[in-house]
N, C-alpha and C. Protein backbone atom coordinates (compact mmCIF):
# COMPACT_ATOMS: atom_id res chain seq x y z
N MET A 1 82.19 90.38 104.81
CA MET A 1 83.36 91.02 104.20
C MET A 1 83.48 90.56 102.76
N LYS A 2 83.79 91.49 101.89
CA LYS A 2 83.87 91.16 100.47
C LYS A 2 85.14 91.75 99.86
N VAL A 3 85.77 90.99 98.96
CA VAL A 3 86.99 91.42 98.29
C VAL A 3 86.65 92.47 97.23
N ILE A 4 87.22 93.67 97.41
CA ILE A 4 87.02 94.78 96.48
C ILE A 4 88.10 94.78 95.40
N SER A 5 89.33 94.40 95.82
CA SER A 5 90.44 94.46 94.87
C SER A 5 91.51 93.44 95.24
N THR A 6 92.11 92.83 94.19
CA THR A 6 93.27 91.96 94.36
C THR A 6 94.48 92.73 93.84
N ASN A 7 95.56 92.78 94.65
CA ASN A 7 96.69 93.67 94.34
C ASN A 7 98.03 92.93 94.39
N LEU A 8 98.89 93.24 93.42
CA LEU A 8 100.24 92.70 93.38
C LEU A 8 101.23 93.84 93.16
N GLY A 9 102.50 93.59 93.52
CA GLY A 9 103.53 94.60 93.32
C GLY A 9 104.79 94.01 92.72
N LYS A 10 105.63 94.89 92.19
CA LYS A 10 106.95 94.50 91.68
C LYS A 10 108.00 95.23 92.51
N PRO A 11 109.21 94.69 92.60
CA PRO A 11 110.27 95.38 93.36
C PRO A 11 110.47 96.80 92.82
N THR A 12 110.41 97.77 93.72
CA THR A 12 110.55 99.18 93.35
C THR A 12 111.74 99.77 94.08
N LYS A 13 112.59 100.48 93.33
CA LYS A 13 113.79 101.07 93.91
C LYS A 13 113.43 102.37 94.63
N ILE A 14 113.89 102.50 95.87
CA ILE A 14 113.67 103.72 96.65
C ILE A 14 115.00 104.15 97.27
N VAL A 15 115.05 105.37 97.75
CA VAL A 15 116.25 105.87 98.44
C VAL A 15 115.86 106.25 99.86
N TRP A 16 116.58 105.71 100.83
CA TRP A 16 116.32 105.99 102.23
C TRP A 16 117.64 106.26 102.94
N ASN A 17 117.74 107.44 103.56
CA ASN A 17 118.98 107.85 104.25
C ASN A 17 120.18 107.77 103.32
N GLY A 18 119.98 108.17 102.08
CA GLY A 18 121.07 108.22 101.12
C GLY A 18 121.44 106.89 100.50
N LYS A 19 120.71 105.84 100.82
CA LYS A 19 121.04 104.52 100.28
C LYS A 19 119.87 103.98 99.46
N GLU A 20 120.22 103.31 98.36
CA GLU A 20 119.21 102.69 97.53
C GLU A 20 118.80 101.34 98.11
N THR A 21 117.51 101.06 98.07
CA THR A 21 117.00 99.77 98.50
C THR A 21 115.76 99.44 97.68
N LEU A 22 115.24 98.25 97.85
CA LEU A 22 114.05 97.84 97.13
C LEU A 22 112.88 97.64 98.10
N THR A 23 111.67 97.82 97.61
CA THR A 23 110.48 97.60 98.42
C THR A 23 109.38 96.97 97.58
N GLY A 24 108.50 96.23 98.23
CA GLY A 24 107.35 95.65 97.55
C GLY A 24 106.05 96.33 97.93
N ILE A 25 106.14 97.50 98.60
CA ILE A 25 104.92 98.16 99.10
C ILE A 25 104.07 98.77 97.98
N TYR A 26 104.69 99.00 96.82
CA TYR A 26 103.94 99.59 95.71
C TYR A 26 103.12 98.51 95.01
N LYS A 27 101.89 98.32 95.49
CA LYS A 27 101.00 97.31 94.92
C LYS A 27 99.84 97.99 94.20
N TYR A 28 99.38 97.33 93.14
CA TYR A 28 98.32 97.89 92.30
C TYR A 28 97.31 96.81 91.94
N PRO A 29 96.06 97.21 91.67
CA PRO A 29 95.02 96.24 91.34
C PRO A 29 95.34 95.46 90.07
N ILE A 30 94.97 94.18 90.08
CA ILE A 30 95.09 93.34 88.89
C ILE A 30 93.72 92.71 88.61
N ASP A 31 93.51 92.31 87.38
CA ASP A 31 92.23 91.71 86.99
C ASP A 31 92.32 90.19 86.96
N GLU A 32 93.13 89.64 87.84
CA GLU A 32 93.32 88.20 87.88
C GLU A 32 93.18 87.71 89.32
N PRO A 33 92.92 86.42 89.50
CA PRO A 33 92.87 85.86 90.86
C PRO A 33 94.24 85.94 91.53
N LEU A 34 94.22 86.05 92.85
CA LEU A 34 95.45 85.89 93.62
C LEU A 34 95.50 84.46 94.14
N TYR A 35 96.69 83.88 94.12
CA TYR A 35 96.85 82.55 94.70
C TYR A 35 97.58 82.70 96.02
N LEU A 36 96.87 82.40 97.10
CA LEU A 36 97.44 82.48 98.44
C LEU A 36 98.16 81.18 98.76
N ASP A 37 99.49 81.27 98.89
CA ASP A 37 100.30 80.10 99.21
C ASP A 37 100.65 80.13 100.68
N LYS A 38 101.37 79.14 101.14
CA LYS A 38 101.65 78.98 102.57
C LYS A 38 102.47 80.13 103.16
N GLU A 39 103.39 80.71 102.38
CA GLU A 39 104.26 81.75 102.95
C GLU A 39 104.20 83.08 102.21
N ASP A 40 103.46 83.15 101.13
CA ASP A 40 103.31 84.42 100.42
C ASP A 40 102.22 84.30 99.37
N VAL A 41 101.99 85.40 98.67
CA VAL A 41 101.05 85.41 97.57
C VAL A 41 101.83 85.17 96.29
N LYS A 42 101.42 84.20 95.53
CA LYS A 42 102.15 83.83 94.32
C LYS A 42 102.28 85.03 93.38
N HIS A 43 103.49 85.22 92.84
CA HIS A 43 103.83 86.29 91.89
C HIS A 43 103.91 87.67 92.55
N ASP A 44 103.75 87.75 93.86
CA ASP A 44 103.89 89.04 94.53
C ASP A 44 105.37 89.30 94.83
N SER A 45 105.68 90.56 95.08
CA SER A 45 107.04 90.95 95.43
C SER A 45 107.16 91.06 96.95
N VAL A 46 107.97 90.19 97.54
CA VAL A 46 108.29 90.26 98.97
C VAL A 46 109.80 90.43 99.06
N VAL A 47 110.23 91.68 99.22
CA VAL A 47 111.67 91.98 99.18
C VAL A 47 112.32 91.70 100.52
N ASP A 48 111.70 92.19 101.59
CA ASP A 48 112.27 92.07 102.93
C ASP A 48 111.66 90.87 103.65
N ARG A 49 112.27 89.71 103.49
CA ARG A 49 111.72 88.49 104.07
C ARG A 49 111.81 88.45 105.60
N LYS A 50 112.60 89.34 106.18
CA LYS A 50 112.70 89.38 107.64
C LYS A 50 111.42 89.93 108.24
N HIS A 51 110.79 90.87 107.55
CA HIS A 51 109.61 91.56 108.11
C HIS A 51 108.32 91.28 107.35
N HIS A 52 108.40 90.62 106.19
CA HIS A 52 107.21 90.37 105.39
C HIS A 52 107.24 88.94 104.85
N GLY A 53 106.05 88.43 104.56
CA GLY A 53 105.96 87.06 104.09
C GLY A 53 106.18 86.08 105.23
N GLY A 54 106.20 84.80 104.92
CA GLY A 54 106.38 83.79 105.94
C GLY A 54 105.05 83.31 106.50
N THR A 55 105.13 82.37 107.41
CA THR A 55 103.93 81.71 107.95
C THR A 55 102.92 82.68 108.54
N TYR A 56 103.38 83.66 109.32
CA TYR A 56 102.47 84.54 110.04
C TYR A 56 102.11 85.82 109.27
N LYS A 57 102.72 86.01 108.10
CA LYS A 57 102.45 87.20 107.28
C LYS A 57 102.35 86.82 105.81
N ALA A 58 101.64 85.73 105.54
CA ALA A 58 101.57 85.22 104.17
C ALA A 58 100.82 86.17 103.24
N CYS A 59 99.82 86.88 103.78
CA CYS A 59 99.00 87.77 102.97
C CYS A 59 98.51 88.92 103.85
N TYR A 60 98.48 90.14 103.29
CA TYR A 60 98.05 91.31 104.05
C TYR A 60 96.71 91.81 103.54
N LEU A 61 95.77 92.01 104.48
CA LEU A 61 94.42 92.47 104.17
C LEU A 61 94.20 93.86 104.77
N PHE A 62 93.54 94.73 104.01
CA PHE A 62 93.25 96.08 104.49
C PHE A 62 91.83 96.44 104.08
N SER A 63 91.18 97.26 104.88
CA SER A 63 89.77 97.59 104.66
C SER A 63 89.58 98.78 103.72
N SER A 64 88.70 98.60 102.74
CA SER A 64 88.35 99.72 101.85
C SER A 64 87.62 100.81 102.62
N ASP A 65 87.03 100.44 103.76
CA ASP A 65 86.30 101.40 104.59
C ASP A 65 87.20 102.53 105.09
N ASN A 66 88.51 102.27 105.15
CA ASN A 66 89.44 103.26 105.69
C ASN A 66 89.91 104.28 104.66
N TYR A 67 89.68 104.01 103.41
CA TYR A 67 90.26 104.84 102.35
C TYR A 67 89.76 106.28 102.39
N ALA A 68 88.48 106.49 102.69
CA ALA A 68 87.93 107.85 102.71
C ALA A 68 88.67 108.71 103.74
N TYR A 69 88.98 108.11 104.89
CA TYR A 69 89.70 108.82 105.96
C TYR A 69 91.05 109.31 105.46
N TRP A 70 91.78 108.42 104.77
CA TRP A 70 93.13 108.77 104.33
C TRP A 70 93.13 109.67 103.10
N LYS A 71 92.15 109.51 102.24
CA LYS A 71 92.05 110.38 101.07
C LYS A 71 91.83 111.83 101.48
N GLU A 72 91.08 112.02 102.55
CA GLU A 72 90.83 113.37 103.05
C GLU A 72 92.11 114.02 103.54
N ARG A 73 93.00 113.20 104.11
CA ARG A 73 94.26 113.73 104.64
C ARG A 73 95.36 113.85 103.59
N TYR A 74 95.25 113.06 102.54
CA TYR A 74 96.26 113.10 101.48
C TYR A 74 95.57 113.20 100.12
N PRO A 75 94.89 114.32 99.87
CA PRO A 75 94.07 114.45 98.65
C PRO A 75 94.89 114.55 97.36
N LEU A 76 96.17 114.88 97.45
CA LEU A 76 96.96 115.09 96.24
C LEU A 76 97.63 113.82 95.72
N LEU A 77 97.51 112.73 96.45
CA LEU A 77 98.10 111.47 95.99
C LEU A 77 97.29 110.86 94.86
N ASN A 78 97.95 110.05 94.05
CA ASN A 78 97.28 109.33 92.98
C ASN A 78 96.68 108.05 93.56
N TRP A 79 95.42 108.12 93.98
CA TRP A 79 94.82 107.05 94.77
C TRP A 79 94.36 105.86 93.91
N ASN A 80 94.60 104.68 94.47
CA ASN A 80 94.09 103.44 93.90
C ASN A 80 94.11 102.39 95.01
N TRP A 81 93.39 101.30 94.83
CA TRP A 81 93.48 100.21 95.80
C TRP A 81 94.91 99.68 95.85
N GLY A 82 95.32 99.21 97.02
CA GLY A 82 96.68 98.72 97.20
C GLY A 82 97.63 99.76 97.76
N MET A 83 97.12 100.97 98.04
CA MET A 83 97.97 102.07 98.51
C MET A 83 98.71 101.74 99.80
N PHE A 84 98.18 100.85 100.61
CA PHE A 84 98.80 100.54 101.89
C PHE A 84 99.65 99.27 101.81
N GLY A 85 99.85 98.80 100.59
CA GLY A 85 100.67 97.61 100.40
C GLY A 85 99.91 96.33 100.61
N GLU A 86 98.56 96.42 100.64
CA GLU A 86 97.76 95.23 100.89
C GLU A 86 97.61 94.39 99.63
N ASN A 87 97.61 93.08 99.82
CA ASN A 87 97.33 92.16 98.73
C ASN A 87 95.84 92.11 98.42
N LEU A 88 95.03 92.23 99.47
CA LEU A 88 93.58 92.18 99.31
C LEU A 88 92.93 93.37 100.00
N THR A 89 92.12 94.11 99.27
CA THR A 89 91.33 95.19 99.84
C THR A 89 89.92 94.66 100.02
N LEU A 90 89.41 94.72 101.26
CA LEU A 90 88.10 94.15 101.56
C LEU A 90 87.15 95.19 102.12
N TYR A 91 85.91 95.13 101.65
CA TYR A 91 84.85 95.96 102.22
C TYR A 91 84.32 95.28 103.48
N GLY A 92 84.21 96.05 104.57
CA GLY A 92 83.61 95.53 105.79
C GLY A 92 84.57 94.87 106.75
N LEU A 93 85.86 94.93 106.46
CA LEU A 93 86.85 94.37 107.38
C LEU A 93 86.97 95.29 108.59
N ASP A 94 86.73 94.76 109.78
CA ASP A 94 86.70 95.55 111.01
C ASP A 94 87.65 94.93 112.03
N GLU A 95 88.76 95.62 112.28
CA GLU A 95 89.79 95.09 113.18
C GLU A 95 89.29 94.88 114.61
N SER A 96 88.26 95.61 115.00
CA SER A 96 87.73 95.45 116.35
C SER A 96 86.92 94.16 116.50
N GLN A 97 86.60 93.52 115.37
CA GLN A 97 85.82 92.28 115.39
C GLN A 97 86.65 91.05 115.01
N LEU A 98 87.83 91.28 114.47
CA LEU A 98 88.68 90.16 114.03
C LEU A 98 89.50 89.62 115.20
N LYS A 99 89.18 88.43 115.64
CA LYS A 99 89.92 87.82 116.74
C LYS A 99 91.15 87.08 116.20
N ILE A 100 92.28 87.31 116.85
CA ILE A 100 93.51 86.62 116.46
C ILE A 100 93.35 85.13 116.75
N GLY A 101 93.49 84.33 115.71
CA GLY A 101 93.28 82.90 115.83
C GLY A 101 92.03 82.41 115.13
N SER A 102 91.11 83.34 114.81
CA SER A 102 89.90 82.95 114.10
C SER A 102 90.25 82.49 112.67
N ILE A 103 89.46 81.54 112.17
CA ILE A 103 89.70 80.96 110.85
C ILE A 103 88.58 81.36 109.91
N TYR A 104 88.95 81.76 108.68
CA TYR A 104 87.99 82.22 107.69
C TYR A 104 88.20 81.50 106.35
N LYS A 105 87.11 81.37 105.62
CA LYS A 105 87.17 80.93 104.24
C LYS A 105 87.28 82.18 103.39
N LEU A 106 88.31 82.26 102.57
CA LEU A 106 88.57 83.43 101.74
C LEU A 106 88.80 82.94 100.31
N GLY A 107 87.81 83.11 99.46
CA GLY A 107 87.88 82.46 98.14
C GLY A 107 87.88 80.96 98.36
N THR A 108 88.85 80.29 97.74
CA THR A 108 88.99 78.85 97.97
C THR A 108 90.05 78.55 99.01
N ALA A 109 90.65 79.59 99.59
CA ALA A 109 91.68 79.42 100.62
C ALA A 109 91.06 79.41 102.02
N LEU A 110 91.80 78.81 102.94
CA LEU A 110 91.42 78.84 104.36
C LEU A 110 92.52 79.58 105.09
N VAL A 111 92.15 80.67 105.78
CA VAL A 111 93.15 81.53 106.40
C VAL A 111 92.85 81.74 107.89
N GLN A 112 93.90 82.14 108.62
CA GLN A 112 93.77 82.40 110.06
C GLN A 112 94.31 83.79 110.36
N ILE A 113 93.55 84.55 111.14
CA ILE A 113 93.98 85.90 111.54
C ILE A 113 95.19 85.79 112.47
N THR A 114 96.28 86.52 112.16
CA THR A 114 97.50 86.37 112.96
C THR A 114 97.96 87.64 113.69
N GLN A 115 98.09 88.76 112.98
CA GLN A 115 98.63 89.95 113.63
C GLN A 115 98.39 91.20 112.79
N PRO A 116 98.37 92.38 113.43
CA PRO A 116 98.18 93.62 112.69
C PRO A 116 99.45 94.04 111.96
N ARG A 117 99.29 94.93 111.02
CA ARG A 117 100.44 95.51 110.32
C ARG A 117 101.03 96.64 111.17
N GLU A 118 102.33 96.61 111.39
CA GLU A 118 103.03 97.68 112.09
C GLU A 118 103.77 98.51 111.05
N PRO A 119 103.46 99.80 110.95
CA PRO A 119 104.00 100.61 109.85
C PRO A 119 105.51 100.86 109.98
N CYS A 120 106.19 100.94 108.84
CA CYS A 120 107.61 101.29 108.81
C CYS A 120 107.83 102.43 107.82
N TYR A 121 109.06 102.84 107.68
CA TYR A 121 109.39 104.01 106.86
C TYR A 121 108.95 103.87 105.40
N LYS A 122 108.77 102.63 104.94
CA LYS A 122 108.38 102.44 103.53
C LYS A 122 106.95 102.92 103.27
N LEU A 123 106.09 102.84 104.28
CA LEU A 123 104.75 103.43 104.14
C LEU A 123 104.88 104.94 104.00
N GLY A 124 105.81 105.54 104.76
CA GLY A 124 106.06 106.97 104.66
C GLY A 124 106.56 107.38 103.28
N ILE A 125 107.37 106.52 102.68
CA ILE A 125 107.86 106.81 101.33
C ILE A 125 106.73 106.73 100.32
N ARG A 126 105.87 105.74 100.49
CA ARG A 126 104.73 105.60 99.56
C ARG A 126 103.83 106.84 99.63
N PHE A 127 103.70 107.42 100.83
CA PHE A 127 102.82 108.58 101.01
C PHE A 127 103.58 109.91 100.97
N ASN A 128 104.88 109.84 100.73
CA ASN A 128 105.72 111.05 100.69
C ASN A 128 105.66 111.84 101.99
N ASP A 129 105.49 111.13 103.10
CA ASP A 129 105.34 111.81 104.39
C ASP A 129 105.56 110.80 105.52
N GLN A 130 106.68 110.93 106.21
CA GLN A 130 106.98 109.98 107.28
C GLN A 130 106.06 110.18 108.51
N SER A 131 105.38 111.30 108.58
CA SER A 131 104.48 111.51 109.72
C SER A 131 103.26 110.60 109.64
N ILE A 132 103.06 109.95 108.50
CA ILE A 132 101.91 109.04 108.40
C ILE A 132 102.08 107.85 109.34
N LEU A 133 103.31 107.53 109.73
CA LEU A 133 103.52 106.39 110.63
C LEU A 133 102.78 106.60 111.95
N LYS A 134 102.97 107.79 112.55
CA LYS A 134 102.27 108.08 113.80
C LYS A 134 100.76 108.18 113.57
N GLN A 135 100.37 108.79 112.46
CA GLN A 135 98.94 108.90 112.13
C GLN A 135 98.32 107.51 111.99
N PHE A 136 99.05 106.61 111.35
CA PHE A 136 98.56 105.26 111.12
C PHE A 136 98.39 104.52 112.44
N ILE A 137 99.33 104.70 113.35
CA ILE A 137 99.24 104.09 114.67
C ILE A 137 98.05 104.67 115.45
N ASP A 138 97.93 105.99 115.43
CA ASP A 138 96.87 106.66 116.18
C ASP A 138 95.48 106.30 115.64
N HIS A 139 95.38 106.09 114.35
CA HIS A 139 94.07 105.79 113.75
C HIS A 139 93.55 104.43 114.21
N GLY A 140 94.44 103.49 114.46
CA GLY A 140 94.04 102.22 115.05
C GLY A 140 93.34 101.25 114.12
N ARG A 141 93.51 101.46 112.82
CA ARG A 141 92.90 100.55 111.83
C ARG A 141 94.00 100.01 110.91
N PRO A 142 94.80 99.04 111.40
CA PRO A 142 96.02 98.65 110.69
C PRO A 142 95.85 97.56 109.63
N GLY A 143 94.65 97.00 109.50
CA GLY A 143 94.53 95.83 108.65
C GLY A 143 95.11 94.61 109.37
N THR A 144 95.12 93.49 108.68
CA THR A 144 95.61 92.28 109.34
C THR A 144 96.39 91.38 108.38
N TYR A 145 97.37 90.70 108.93
CA TYR A 145 98.03 89.61 108.21
C TYR A 145 97.27 88.33 108.50
N VAL A 146 97.39 87.38 107.57
CA VAL A 146 96.80 86.07 107.78
C VAL A 146 97.80 84.96 107.51
N ARG A 147 97.59 83.85 108.19
CA ARG A 147 98.29 82.62 107.93
C ARG A 147 97.43 81.81 106.96
N VAL A 148 98.06 81.17 105.98
CA VAL A 148 97.32 80.38 105.01
C VAL A 148 97.34 78.92 105.44
N LEU A 149 96.20 78.43 105.92
CA LEU A 149 96.10 77.04 106.37
C LEU A 149 95.91 76.10 105.19
N GLU A 150 95.12 76.55 104.22
CA GLU A 150 94.91 75.80 102.98
C GLU A 150 95.04 76.76 101.82
N PRO A 151 96.06 76.60 100.96
CA PRO A 151 96.24 77.49 99.82
C PRO A 151 95.01 77.49 98.92
N GLY A 152 94.83 78.60 98.22
CA GLY A 152 93.70 78.70 97.30
C GLY A 152 93.68 80.03 96.57
N LYS A 153 92.70 80.18 95.68
CA LYS A 153 92.57 81.38 94.87
C LYS A 153 91.53 82.35 95.44
N VAL A 154 91.80 83.63 95.25
CA VAL A 154 90.86 84.68 95.66
C VAL A 154 90.65 85.61 94.48
N VAL A 155 89.39 85.92 94.17
CA VAL A 155 89.07 86.85 93.09
C VAL A 155 88.21 87.98 93.63
N MET A 156 88.18 89.08 92.90
CA MET A 156 87.33 90.21 93.28
C MET A 156 85.88 89.75 93.37
N GLY A 157 85.21 90.12 94.46
CA GLY A 157 83.83 89.72 94.68
C GLY A 157 83.68 88.55 95.63
N ASP A 158 84.79 87.85 95.91
CA ASP A 158 84.75 86.75 96.88
C ASP A 158 84.43 87.27 98.27
N SER A 159 83.81 86.43 99.08
CA SER A 159 83.51 86.78 100.47
C SER A 159 84.56 86.18 101.40
N MET A 160 84.69 86.79 102.55
CA MET A 160 85.52 86.26 103.62
C MET A 160 84.57 85.87 104.75
N GLU A 161 84.42 84.58 104.96
CA GLU A 161 83.39 84.08 105.86
C GLU A 161 83.99 83.31 107.03
N LEU A 162 83.47 83.58 108.22
CA LEU A 162 83.96 82.95 109.44
C LEU A 162 83.67 81.44 109.42
N VAL A 163 84.72 80.66 109.71
CA VAL A 163 84.60 79.21 109.81
C VAL A 163 84.66 78.77 111.27
N LYS A 164 85.63 79.34 111.99
CA LYS A 164 85.78 79.00 113.41
C LYS A 164 86.33 80.21 114.16
N GLU A 165 85.57 80.68 115.14
CA GLU A 165 85.99 81.85 115.91
C GLU A 165 86.95 81.43 117.03
N SER A 166 87.97 82.23 117.24
CA SER A 166 88.94 81.96 118.30
C SER A 166 88.27 82.06 119.67
N GLU A 167 88.65 81.18 120.57
CA GLU A 167 88.14 81.24 121.94
C GLU A 167 88.85 82.32 122.75
N ASN A 168 90.00 82.74 122.27
CA ASN A 168 90.74 83.83 122.91
C ASN A 168 90.13 85.16 122.45
N PRO A 169 89.75 86.07 123.37
CA PRO A 169 89.03 87.29 122.98
C PRO A 169 89.89 88.37 122.32
N LEU A 170 91.20 88.16 122.20
CA LEU A 170 92.10 89.19 121.67
C LEU A 170 91.78 89.52 120.21
N THR A 171 91.44 90.78 119.94
CA THR A 171 91.19 91.23 118.57
C THR A 171 92.44 91.90 118.00
N ILE A 172 92.44 92.05 116.68
CA ILE A 172 93.54 92.75 116.01
C ILE A 172 93.68 94.17 116.55
N GLN A 173 92.57 94.87 116.72
CA GLN A 173 92.63 96.25 117.20
C GLN A 173 93.14 96.32 118.64
N ALA A 174 92.67 95.41 119.50
CA ALA A 174 93.11 95.41 120.91
C ALA A 174 94.61 95.12 121.00
N PHE A 175 95.08 94.20 120.19
CA PHE A 175 96.51 93.86 120.21
C PHE A 175 97.35 95.01 119.66
N TYR A 176 96.85 95.67 118.63
CA TYR A 176 97.55 96.81 118.04
C TYR A 176 97.69 97.95 119.05
N THR A 177 96.61 98.22 119.77
CA THR A 177 96.64 99.24 120.82
C THR A 177 97.64 98.86 121.91
N LEU A 178 97.65 97.59 122.28
CA LEU A 178 98.57 97.08 123.30
C LEU A 178 100.02 97.29 122.90
N LEU A 179 100.34 97.00 121.65
CA LEU A 179 101.72 97.10 121.18
C LEU A 179 102.31 98.49 121.40
N PHE A 180 101.51 99.53 121.16
CA PHE A 180 102.03 100.90 121.19
C PHE A 180 101.68 101.66 122.47
N ALA A 181 100.94 101.03 123.38
CA ALA A 181 100.56 101.70 124.63
C ALA A 181 101.74 101.77 125.60
N LYS A 182 101.95 102.93 126.19
CA LYS A 182 103.02 103.06 127.19
C LYS A 182 102.66 102.30 128.46
N THR A 183 101.38 102.31 128.78
CA THR A 183 100.88 101.52 129.92
C THR A 183 100.05 100.38 129.36
N LYS A 184 100.49 99.15 129.64
CA LYS A 184 99.84 97.98 129.05
C LYS A 184 98.64 97.52 129.89
N ASP A 185 97.52 97.30 129.22
CA ASP A 185 96.34 96.74 129.87
C ASP A 185 96.65 95.30 130.26
N LYS A 186 96.59 94.99 131.54
CA LYS A 186 97.00 93.67 132.04
C LYS A 186 96.15 92.54 131.48
N GLN A 187 94.86 92.78 131.31
CA GLN A 187 93.98 91.73 130.79
C GLN A 187 94.31 91.43 129.33
N VAL A 188 94.46 92.49 128.54
CA VAL A 188 94.79 92.32 127.12
C VAL A 188 96.17 91.70 126.97
N LEU A 189 97.08 92.09 127.86
CA LEU A 189 98.43 91.52 127.86
C LEU A 189 98.38 90.01 128.08
N LYS A 190 97.54 89.58 129.02
CA LYS A 190 97.41 88.14 129.28
C LYS A 190 96.84 87.41 128.07
N TRP A 191 95.83 88.02 127.43
CA TRP A 191 95.25 87.41 126.24
C TRP A 191 96.32 87.21 125.17
N ALA A 192 97.17 88.23 125.02
CA ALA A 192 98.21 88.17 123.99
C ALA A 192 99.25 87.09 124.30
N ILE A 193 99.72 87.05 125.52
CA ILE A 193 100.74 86.08 125.91
C ILE A 193 100.21 84.65 125.80
N ASP A 194 98.92 84.49 126.06
CA ASP A 194 98.30 83.16 126.02
C ASP A 194 97.85 82.75 124.62
N ASN A 195 97.91 83.68 123.66
CA ASN A 195 97.39 83.40 122.33
C ASN A 195 98.46 82.72 121.47
N GLU A 196 98.29 81.43 121.24
CA GLU A 196 99.30 80.65 120.54
C GLU A 196 99.34 80.93 119.04
N THR A 197 98.38 81.67 118.52
CA THR A 197 98.40 82.04 117.11
C THR A 197 99.43 83.12 116.83
N LEU A 198 99.71 83.96 117.84
CA LEU A 198 100.74 84.98 117.68
C LEU A 198 102.12 84.34 117.61
N PRO A 199 103.05 84.92 116.83
CA PRO A 199 104.41 84.40 116.80
C PRO A 199 105.02 84.37 118.20
N GLN A 200 105.76 83.33 118.48
CA GLN A 200 106.34 83.16 119.82
C GLN A 200 107.22 84.34 120.21
N GLY A 201 107.96 84.88 119.25
CA GLY A 201 108.84 86.01 119.53
C GLY A 201 108.10 87.22 120.04
N LYS A 202 106.94 87.49 119.46
CA LYS A 202 106.12 88.64 119.91
C LYS A 202 105.61 88.41 121.32
N ARG A 203 105.17 87.20 121.61
CA ARG A 203 104.67 86.90 122.94
C ARG A 203 105.78 86.99 123.98
N LYS A 204 106.97 86.56 123.61
CA LYS A 204 108.12 86.63 124.53
C LYS A 204 108.43 88.07 124.91
N LYS A 205 108.41 88.95 123.92
CA LYS A 205 108.72 90.36 124.17
C LYS A 205 107.71 91.00 125.12
N LEU A 206 106.47 90.50 125.08
CA LEU A 206 105.43 91.06 125.93
C LEU A 206 105.50 90.57 127.37
N GLU A 207 106.18 89.46 127.59
CA GLU A 207 106.24 88.87 128.93
C GLU A 207 106.88 89.79 129.96
N LYS A 208 107.78 90.66 129.49
CA LYS A 208 108.45 91.58 130.43
C LYS A 208 107.47 92.57 131.05
N TRP A 209 106.29 92.76 130.39
CA TRP A 209 105.29 93.69 130.89
C TRP A 209 104.32 93.01 131.85
N ALA A 210 104.36 91.70 131.87
CA ALA A 210 103.37 90.96 132.66
C ALA A 210 103.63 91.11 134.15
């Protein structure tokens, strides 16, 4: 996996249901290193701290491999890296291979795979179409958040290399499918509940399905 683009955003005013609010989803490429800190990316805009940033969502990664799919569906948008609100756009990132709990060297930082991105209305605003939320879920390629175990810098061209693979078989894609499935796969459910890298609150919510 290789870093194609480093992206930052500034607070952007949007209107939702007649009310003004701010969002940090509008991210754009920069020609500087990103500094991955323990709870966020330095100098990035994290407006909604309830749903973004923090230990389990310190940095968001998305695959450049997915862009062709979305460009075909939204050809009239002004396309650039960072369209999905990702801090890092990586070539070769495959959610079906990323195990939750696995540790990677990313630039000079050490990161751990934690959870997929769950889309909200702000992605719909960025794409001028709220139906993208269902499309994004159905496509099954959500990107991943990471926990920053050791802060460090990431620049374009850096590799993301496996340091320690999780012993738990749960992948980002399998967990993402589980979250939105009406009928939960019992084996995948057990992997999720047993996976201590996932936030405790998420695991608790899944216990009712066990």
